Protein backbone atom coordinates (compact mmCIF):
# COMPACT_ATOMS: atom_id res chain seq x y z
CA MET A 1 0.00 0.00 0.00
CA LYS A 2 2.88 2.35 0.80
CA LYS A 3 4.26 1.82 -2.71
CA ILE A 4 0.91 2.30 -4.47
CA LEU A 5 0.07 5.60 -2.77
CA PRO A 6 3.04 7.59 -4.22
CA VAL A 7 2.49 6.08 -7.67
CA LEU A 8 -1.22 6.97 -7.48
CA PHE A 9 -0.37 10.52 -6.35
CA ILE A 10 2.12 11.02 -9.21
CA THR A 11 -0.37 9.61 -11.73
CA ILE A 12 -3.14 11.96 -10.56
CA LEU A 13 -0.72 14.91 -10.58
CA PHE A 14 0.43 14.05 -14.11
CA ILE A 15 -3.15 13.73 -15.40
CA THR A 16 -4.10 17.04 -13.79
CA ILE A 17 -1.16 18.91 -15.32
CA ALA A 18 -1.52 17.24 -18.71
CA SER A 19 -5.21 18.11 -18.94
CA CYS A 20 -4.57 21.84 -18.54
CA GLU A 21 -4.21 23.86 -21.70
CA LYS A 22 -3.27 27.45 -22.36
CA ASP A 23 -6.10 29.91 -22.68
CA ASP A 24 -5.48 31.33 -26.16
CA ILE A 25 -8.29 33.83 -26.37
CA CYS A 26 -7.61 37.20 -27.92
CA VAL A 27 -9.64 40.07 -26.49
CA ASP A 28 -7.82 43.31 -27.23
CA ALA A 29 -5.91 43.01 -30.43
CA ASP A 30 -7.24 44.98 -33.32
CA THR A 31 -5.51 47.20 -35.78
CA PRO A 32 -6.32 50.71 -34.56
CA LEU A 33 -8.59 53.05 -36.48
CA LEU A 34 -7.72 56.63 -37.39
CA VAL A 35 -9.78 58.90 -35.12
CA ILE A 36 -10.79 62.21 -36.68
CA GLY A 37 -12.41 65.02 -34.72
CA PHE A 38 -14.42 67.81 -36.32
CA PHE A 39 -14.02 71.32 -34.94
CA ASP A 40 -15.32 74.82 -35.58
CA SER A 41 -12.96 76.82 -37.78
CA ALA A 42 -13.92 80.08 -36.05
CA ASP A 43 -13.37 78.77 -32.49
CA THR A 44 -10.90 75.90 -32.79
CA THR A 45 -11.59 74.65 -29.25
CA LEU A 46 -15.25 73.82 -29.97
CA SER A 47 -16.23 70.52 -31.53
CA LYS A 48 -18.68 70.84 -34.41
CA THR A 49 -20.90 68.22 -36.01
CA VAL A 50 -20.92 67.66 -39.75
CA PRO A 51 -24.39 67.63 -41.32
CA SER A 52 -25.32 64.46 -43.23
CA LEU A 53 -21.75 63.10 -43.41
CA ARG A 54 -20.81 60.32 -45.81
CA ILE A 55 -17.27 58.99 -46.16
CA ARG A 56 -16.18 56.84 -49.09
CA GLU A 57 -12.92 54.96 -49.47
CA VAL A 58 -11.51 55.80 -52.91
CA VAL A 59 -9.80 52.55 -54.02
CA LEU A 60 -12.61 50.22 -52.93
CA ASP A 61 -15.28 52.77 -53.91
CA THR A 62 -17.35 51.90 -50.84
CA ASN A 63 -18.90 53.76 -47.94
CA ILE A 64 -17.04 53.46 -44.64
CA ASN A 65 -18.96 51.09 -42.39
CA THR A 66 -17.51 52.26 -39.06
CA ILE A 67 -19.96 55.18 -38.92
CA ALA A 68 -23.65 55.57 -39.63
CA ASP A 69 -24.06 56.71 -43.23
CA ARG A 70 -25.24 60.31 -43.62
CA SER A 71 -25.24 60.89 -39.91
CA SER A 72 -25.84 64.43 -38.68
CA SER A 73 -24.69 64.10 -35.10
CA LEU A 74 -21.05 63.11 -35.36
CA ASP A 75 -18.29 65.35 -34.09
CA SER A 76 -15.67 62.58 -34.29
CA ILE A 77 -15.29 59.42 -36.32
CA ALA A 78 -12.98 56.41 -36.57
CA VAL A 79 -11.99 55.17 -40.03
CA PRO A 80 -9.87 52.19 -41.06
CA LEU A 81 -6.63 52.69 -42.96
CA ARG A 82 -5.39 50.26 -45.60
CA ILE A 83 -2.64 47.97 -44.32
CA ASP A 84 -1.62 46.88 -47.83
CA SER A 85 -0.67 50.39 -48.91
CA SER A 86 1.21 53.44 -47.64
CA SER A 87 -1.81 55.72 -48.14
CA THR A 88 -5.59 55.68 -48.05
CA GLY A 89 -7.84 58.02 -50.00
CA PHE A 90 -11.23 59.16 -48.73
CA THR A 91 -13.95 61.45 -49.99
CA PHE A 92 -15.68 63.36 -47.19
CA ILE A 93 -19.15 64.47 -48.27
CA THR A 94 -21.11 66.92 -46.15
CA GLU A 95 -24.84 67.49 -46.71
CA SER A 96 -24.80 64.21 -48.65
CA ALA A 97 -27.95 63.24 -50.53
CA ASP A 98 -28.98 61.49 -53.72
CA ASP A 99 -30.22 63.66 -56.57
CA GLU A 100 -33.88 62.76 -57.14
CA THR A 101 -33.64 62.66 -60.92
CA SER A 102 -30.16 61.28 -61.63
CA GLY A 103 -29.42 59.48 -58.36
CA ALA A 104 -25.98 61.14 -58.30
CA GLU A 105 -24.32 62.17 -55.06
CA THR A 106 -24.95 65.78 -54.04
CA GLY A 107 -23.31 67.83 -51.33
CA SER A 108 -19.89 69.31 -50.74
CA ILE A 109 -17.19 66.77 -51.55
CA ASP A 110 -13.59 67.02 -50.33
CA SER A 111 -10.89 64.44 -51.05
CA LEU A 112 -8.27 63.54 -48.44
CA THR A 113 -5.21 61.38 -48.87
CA ILE A 114 -3.79 60.01 -45.63
CA SER A 115 -0.19 58.79 -45.89
CA TYR A 116 1.69 56.71 -43.34
CA THR A 117 4.16 53.90 -42.81
CA THR A 118 2.84 50.59 -41.52
CA ARG A 119 4.54 48.84 -38.62
CA GLU A 120 3.56 45.38 -37.41
CA ALA A 121 3.39 44.77 -33.67
CA PHE A 122 3.21 41.30 -32.13
CA ILE A 123 0.48 41.15 -29.49
CA SER A 124 0.39 37.51 -28.38
CA ARG A 125 0.25 34.00 -29.74
CA ALA A 126 -3.55 34.08 -29.70
CA CYS A 127 -3.87 37.55 -31.24
CA GLY A 128 -0.94 37.50 -33.61
CA PHE A 129 0.15 40.76 -35.22
CA VAL A 130 -1.63 44.09 -35.60
CA ALA A 131 -0.68 47.00 -37.81
CA ASN A 132 0.25 50.32 -36.26
CA TYR A 133 0.86 53.46 -38.29
CA ASP A 134 3.74 55.95 -38.09
CA ASP A 135 4.63 59.24 -39.81
CA LEU A 136 1.00 60.20 -40.42
CA SER A 137 0.34 63.00 -42.90
CA VAL A 138 -2.87 64.28 -44.49
CA ALA A 139 -3.29 66.09 -47.81
CA LEU A 140 -6.47 67.87 -48.89
CA SER A 141 -7.08 68.08 -52.62
CA PRO A 142 -8.01 71.69 -53.37
CA ASN A 143 -11.13 72.08 -55.47
CA GLY A 144 -11.98 75.75 -55.01
CA ALA A 145 -14.98 75.14 -52.77
CA ASN A 146 -13.57 73.04 -49.95
CA TRP A 147 -15.83 72.77 -46.91
CA ILE A 148 -12.79 71.63 -44.91
CA GLN A 149 -10.94 74.79 -43.91
CA ASP A 150 -7.92 73.34 -42.12
CA ILE A 151 -6.43 70.02 -41.00
CA ARG A 152 -4.10 69.49 -38.04
CA ILE A 153 -2.38 66.29 -37.05
CA VAL A 154 -2.50 65.77 -33.29
CA GLN A 155 -0.64 62.43 -33.17
CA THR A 156 1.64 61.19 -35.94
CA THR A 157 1.62 57.63 -34.55
CA ILE A 158 -1.52 55.49 -34.40
CA GLU A 159 -1.26 52.67 -31.85
CA ASN A 160 -4.81 52.78 -30.43
CA SER A 161 -8.20 54.28 -31.17
CA ASN A 162 -8.62 56.05 -27.81
CA ASN A 163 -7.65 59.61 -28.79
CA ILE A 164 -8.12 61.98 -31.70
CA HIS A 165 -5.27 61.70 -34.22
CA VAL A 166 -6.42 64.33 -36.73
CA LYS A 167 -8.52 67.47 -36.30
CA ILE A 168 -10.58 68.78 -39.20
CA PHE A 169 -11.83 72.37 -39.01
CA HIS A 170 -14.90 73.44 -40.96
């Protein structure tokens, strides 16, 4: 009996340890979104909503799905950047609507090109890698009637979606 008890204890211990497995659940690993805040061009400290805002990604020619389309109550938004390129083009359309006769987009349309370098960051074995963005720059295509008056970059590095990275004044 004295010989069986230690063998039984070691067997139970081995089975207990062998049955445990690592908890490979990923909860906080996502490539961060670019956060854009909209502000009043007259008083740059006041946030200002954009009426009936629509944002389209240029290459994919699709509406951004991270915001409600043609929303009138947004003073900040979060948009995804392309990880397979060093820039992403967007059209920002204020007072967006469809023309009743032609169905064409109406409103004030401004085109922005956001340039950056992509840097991969390893999060964990469960989450893998996420893309972070460095050296952020924004260019507004002038069209003579821009509704966007000014753009300021607050953070040139995007590692999370918690703070505003770019301020747009209108």
